[in-house]
Amino acid sequence: GRQAGRQAGRQAARAHGTMAGVVNRSVGMMDEAYFVGRKVIIDWLNELLHLNLSKIEETASGAVACQVMDCLFPGKVPMAKVNWGAKTDYEFVNNYKVLQSVFAKLKVDRAIEVDKLIRARYQDNLEFMQWLKRFYDDNYSGVVEDYDAIERRNRGKGVSQYPPAAGGASAGASAPAARRPAAPRAGRTAPRATAKASSPVPAKENDRAMNKPAANPAATKKVESLNADLESANK
């Protein structure tokens, strides 16, 4: 009854382009969301988006986060603007601009620490993905819908940088629509993972994802400008 009502409200809000259906829940650092391990996060992203990720650092460009939001809120993310082949700070920042515009449109109460994420450090990106998974679980309607992850991804640029999982279609072709993972049942929470759930931090955690070039002054200035915009948007 009550859960069905909330789900119907979310679906109606999305259908009419309103923001009433978005669930913003405060997630502190001791929340169980931050005890979810690297492997759980990577497996979730690979299943949801038909990806073949092996490292958390591969999410640093912001493209993966954009597609998670596209899956959760159909029609809200301009996937054609997402650059999957991004390698420079400037290109990473542009992806986060797309993500921030979606957050602003949906009134998502979360500041994006772009200057940290674009460095492709393991811990910073793991924590952002842990938060994103909790946000997804909180907002997923519970209705199984078809989502063609590869077709949606192919609307962006540089998709060959992120080949689909084994059994998926090659870049430029669509795969059968994926089923979204079922949401947790009402009244039940996911079991709290133990500290062992997190894999050891990779030895090269400070290496840039996909050997991304170092920052340049122009990109640094653009990052600073974006951070100022983000701070203003989250006041």
Protein backbone atom coordinates (compact mmCIF):
# COMPACT_ATOMS: atom_id res chain seq x y z
CA GLY A 1 0.00 0.00 0.00
CA ARG A 2 2.28 2.74 1.24
CA GLN A 3 5.28 1.54 -0.78
CA ALA A 4 3.14 1.16 -3.89
CA GLY A 5 1.94 4.72 -3.40
CA ARG A 6 5.48 6.04 -3.17
CA GLN A 7 6.48 4.11 -6.29
CA ALA A 8 3.48 5.44 -8.21
CA GLY A 9 4.35 8.96 -7.09
CA ARG A 10 7.93 8.62 -8.30
CA GLN A 11 6.82 7.28 -11.67
CA ALA A 12 4.25 10.03 -12.10
CA ALA A 13 6.80 12.67 -11.14
CA ARG A 14 9.28 11.35 -13.69
CA ALA A 15 6.64 11.08 -16.40
CA HIS A 16 5.69 14.74 -15.91
CA GLY A 17 9.23 16.00 -15.50
CA THR A 18 8.79 17.02 -11.86
CA MET A 19 11.20 16.38 -9.01
CA ALA A 20 8.85 15.27 -6.25
CA GLY A 21 9.84 11.63 -6.63
CA VAL A 22 13.53 12.06 -5.82
CA VAL A 23 14.61 10.66 -2.47
CA ASN A 24 17.44 12.63 -0.84
CA ARG A 25 18.68 10.87 2.27
CA SER A 26 21.58 12.01 4.39
CA VAL A 27 24.33 9.40 4.20
CA GLY A 28 27.03 9.84 6.84
CA MET A 29 30.42 8.19 6.60
CA MET A 30 29.38 5.53 9.13
CA ASP A 31 26.33 4.61 7.05
CA GLU A 32 26.30 1.02 5.80
CA ALA A 33 26.52 2.42 2.25
CA TYR A 34 30.21 3.12 2.83
CA PHE A 35 30.90 -0.45 3.95
CA VAL A 36 30.00 -1.85 0.53
CA GLY A 37 33.14 -3.29 -1.03
CA ARG A 38 34.83 -2.57 -4.35
CA LYS A 39 33.78 -5.86 -5.92
CA VAL A 40 30.12 -5.33 -5.04
CA ILE A 41 30.20 -1.87 -6.65
CA ILE A 42 31.95 -3.07 -9.81
CA ASP A 43 29.65 -6.08 -10.18
CA TRP A 44 26.61 -3.81 -9.74
CA LEU A 45 27.81 -1.37 -12.42
CA ASN A 46 28.74 -4.13 -14.84
CA GLU A 47 25.36 -5.83 -14.46
CA LEU A 48 23.31 -2.66 -14.58
CA LEU A 49 25.08 -1.04 -17.52
CA HIS A 50 26.51 -4.03 -19.44
CA LEU A 51 30.03 -2.82 -18.79
CA ASN A 52 33.28 -4.67 -18.27
CA LEU A 53 34.87 -2.58 -15.52
CA SER A 54 37.68 -4.02 -13.44
CA LYS A 55 38.78 -0.98 -11.43
CA ILE A 56 36.93 1.71 -9.51
CA GLU A 57 39.27 4.27 -11.07
CA GLU A 58 37.57 3.66 -14.43
CA THR A 59 34.58 5.62 -13.13
CA ALA A 60 36.65 8.79 -12.62
CA SER A 61 35.63 10.43 -15.89
CA GLY A 62 32.03 10.85 -14.70
CA ALA A 63 30.60 8.97 -17.69
CA VAL A 64 29.56 5.92 -15.66
CA ALA A 65 27.75 8.08 -13.10
CA CYS A 66 25.91 9.86 -15.91
CA GLN A 67 24.64 6.54 -17.24
CA VAL A 68 23.53 5.32 -13.80
CA MET A 69 21.38 8.45 -13.59
CA ASP A 70 20.14 7.84 -17.15
CA CYS A 71 19.02 4.35 -16.15
CA LEU A 72 17.34 5.64 -13.00
CA PHE A 73 15.68 8.71 -14.54
CA PRO A 74 14.99 8.01 -18.24
CA GLY A 75 15.12 11.08 -20.45
CA LYS A 76 16.86 13.31 -17.91
CA VAL A 77 20.46 12.78 -19.07
CA PRO A 78 21.65 14.09 -22.47
CA MET A 79 23.74 11.00 -23.23
CA ALA A 80 24.99 12.50 -26.51
CA LYS A 81 27.04 14.95 -24.41
CA VAL A 82 28.78 12.22 -22.40
CA ASN A 83 32.36 11.56 -23.49
CA TRP A 84 33.35 7.95 -22.71
CA GLY A 85 36.77 8.47 -24.27
CA ALA A 86 37.63 11.41 -21.98
CA LYS A 87 41.30 11.51 -20.99
CA THR A 88 42.10 15.12 -20.04
CA ASP A 89 40.93 17.10 -17.04
CA TYR A 90 38.99 19.36 -19.39
CA GLU A 91 37.07 16.39 -20.84
CA PHE A 92 36.44 14.88 -17.40
CA VAL A 93 35.08 18.21 -16.17
CA ASN A 94 32.67 18.42 -19.09
CA ASN A 95 31.21 15.04 -18.12
CA TYR A 96 30.75 16.25 -14.55
CA LYS A 97 29.01 19.35 -15.88
CA VAL A 98 26.48 17.04 -17.52
CA LEU A 99 26.07 15.14 -14.24
CA GLN A 100 25.73 18.32 -12.19
CA SER A 101 23.07 19.66 -14.55
CA VAL A 102 21.09 16.46 -14.00
CA PHE A 103 21.51 16.74 -10.22
CA ALA A 104 20.30 20.34 -10.35
CA LYS A 105 17.32 19.43 -12.54
CA LEU A 106 16.28 16.64 -10.17
CA LYS A 107 17.22 18.61 -7.03
CA VAL A 108 19.64 15.94 -5.87
CA ASP A 109 21.17 17.10 -2.60
CA ARG A 110 24.76 16.05 -3.20
CA ALA A 111 27.87 18.13 -3.86
CA ILE A 112 30.18 16.64 -6.49
CA GLU A 113 33.83 17.01 -5.50
CA VAL A 114 35.06 17.23 -9.06
CA ASP A 115 38.60 18.29 -8.22
CA LYS A 116 39.05 15.06 -6.23
CA LEU A 117 37.24 12.68 -8.56
CA ILE A 118 39.11 13.68 -11.71
CA ARG A 119 42.41 12.68 -10.07
CA ALA A 120 41.21 9.08 -10.37
CA ARG A 121 42.18 8.17 -6.83
CA TYR A 122 40.74 4.91 -5.64
CA GLN A 123 39.23 6.02 -2.32
CA ASP A 124 37.56 9.21 -3.57
CA ASN A 125 35.90 7.44 -6.48
CA LEU A 126 34.94 4.42 -4.38
CA GLU A 127 33.11 6.64 -1.89
CA PHE A 128 31.26 8.45 -4.67
CA MET A 129 30.18 5.16 -6.24
CA GLN A 130 29.12 3.85 -2.81
CA TRP A 131 26.94 6.93 -2.37
CA LEU A 132 25.58 6.57 -5.93
CA LYS A 133 24.58 2.96 -5.31
CA ARG A 134 22.72 3.95 -2.15
CA PHE A 135 21.00 6.78 -4.05
CA TYR A 136 20.02 4.31 -6.78
CA ASP A 137 18.63 1.83 -4.26
CA ASP A 138 16.66 4.60 -2.51
CA ASN A 139 15.15 5.90 -5.75
CA TYR A 140 14.64 2.77 -7.82
CA SER A 141 10.90 2.37 -8.31
CA GLY A 142 10.88 -1.41 -7.93
CA VAL A 143 9.23 -1.85 -11.33
CA VAL A 144 11.25 -4.03 -13.70
CA GLU A 145 11.78 -2.04 -16.88
CA ASP A 146 13.77 -2.62 -20.03
CA TYR A 147 16.88 -0.50 -20.34
CA ASP A 148 19.11 -0.89 -23.37
CA ALA A 149 22.38 0.17 -21.77
CA ILE A 150 24.54 -0.30 -24.84
CA GLU A 151 22.21 1.62 -27.15
CA ARG A 152 22.07 4.50 -24.69
CA ARG A 153 25.85 4.49 -24.23
CA ASN A 154 26.41 4.49 -27.98
CA ARG A 155 24.77 7.91 -28.16
CA GLY A 156 27.85 9.38 -26.51
CA LYS A 157 31.41 9.81 -27.74
CA GLY A 158 34.36 7.45 -27.40
CA VAL A 159 32.31 4.40 -26.39
CA SER A 160 35.02 2.02 -27.62
CA GLN A 161 36.93 2.95 -24.46
CA TYR A 162 34.29 1.03 -22.49
CA PRO A 163 33.58 -2.27 -24.27
CA PRO A 164 30.42 -4.11 -23.18
CA ALA A 165 30.53 -7.17 -20.97
CA ALA A 166 31.08 -10.56 -22.57
CA GLY A 167 28.02 -11.56 -24.53
CA GLY A 168 27.03 -7.95 -25.21
CA ALA A 169 27.03 -6.22 -28.57
CA SER A 170 30.06 -4.46 -29.99
CA ALA A 171 30.23 -0.68 -30.09
CA GLY A 172 27.80 0.70 -32.63
CA ALA A 173 25.27 -2.11 -32.21
CA SER A 174 22.55 -2.66 -29.68
CA ALA A 175 22.30 -5.59 -27.30
CA PRO A 176 19.06 -7.02 -25.98
CA ALA A 177 17.55 -4.71 -23.41
CA ALA A 178 18.75 -5.39 -19.89
CA ARG A 179 16.55 -5.98 -16.91
CA ARG A 180 17.18 -3.61 -14.06
CA PRO A 181 18.23 -5.32 -10.83
CA ALA A 182 15.33 -5.72 -8.43
CA ALA A 183 15.15 -3.20 -5.62
CA PRO A 184 15.37 -4.34 -1.98
CA ARG A 185 12.08 -5.35 -0.41
CA ALA A 186 10.33 -2.83 1.77
CA GLY A 187 11.26 -3.01 5.42
CA ARG A 188 14.50 -4.86 4.76
CA THR A 189 17.98 -3.44 4.59
CA ALA A 190 20.97 -4.94 2.94
CA PRO A 191 23.21 -6.87 5.33
CA ARG A 192 25.99 -4.74 6.68
CA ALA A 193 29.23 -5.72 5.06
CA THR A 194 32.25 -6.35 7.24
CA ALA A 195 35.53 -4.58 6.84
CA LYS A 196 36.77 -7.59 4.87
CA ALA A 197 34.27 -6.80 2.12
CA SER A 198 36.54 -4.05 0.83
CA SER A 199 39.43 -5.22 -1.26
CA PRO A 200 42.89 -3.83 -0.54
CA VAL A 201 43.58 -0.45 -2.09
CA PRO A 202 45.47 -1.02 -5.36
CA ALA A 203 49.18 -0.22 -5.17
CA LYS A 204 48.83 2.31 -7.98
CA GLU A 205 45.73 4.03 -6.66
CA ASN A 206 47.11 7.44 -7.55
CA ASP A 207 47.68 6.56 -11.21
CA ARG A 208 45.26 8.27 -13.54
CA ALA A 209 42.53 6.04 -14.96
CA MET A 210 43.43 4.88 -18.44
CA ASN A 211 46.75 6.79 -18.24
CA LYS A 212 45.01 10.14 -18.36
CA PRO A 213 47.45 13.01 -19.01
CA ALA A 214 48.38 15.37 -16.19
CA ALA A 215 46.47 18.57 -15.60
CA ASN A 216 47.19 21.75 -17.50
CA PRO A 217 46.57 25.37 -16.39
CA ALA A 218 43.52 25.85 -18.62
CA ALA A 219 41.92 22.67 -17.28
CA THR A 220 42.73 23.65 -13.70
CA LYS A 221 41.03 27.00 -14.20
CA LYS A 222 37.97 25.27 -15.64
CA VAL A 223 37.84 22.90 -12.65
CA GLU A 224 37.99 25.84 -10.25
CA SER A 225 35.18 27.55 -12.16
CA LEU A 226 33.04 24.41 -12.05
CA ASN A 227 33.65 23.95 -8.33
CA ALA A 228 32.44 27.51 -7.74
CA ASP A 229 29.30 26.70 -9.74
CA LEU A 230 28.77 23.52 -7.73
CA GLU A 231 29.13 25.33 -4.42
CA SER A 232 26.62 27.93 -5.56
CA ALA A 233 24.17 25.24 -6.76
CA ASN A 234 24.32 23.41 -3.44
CA LYS A 235 23.70 26.45 -1.19
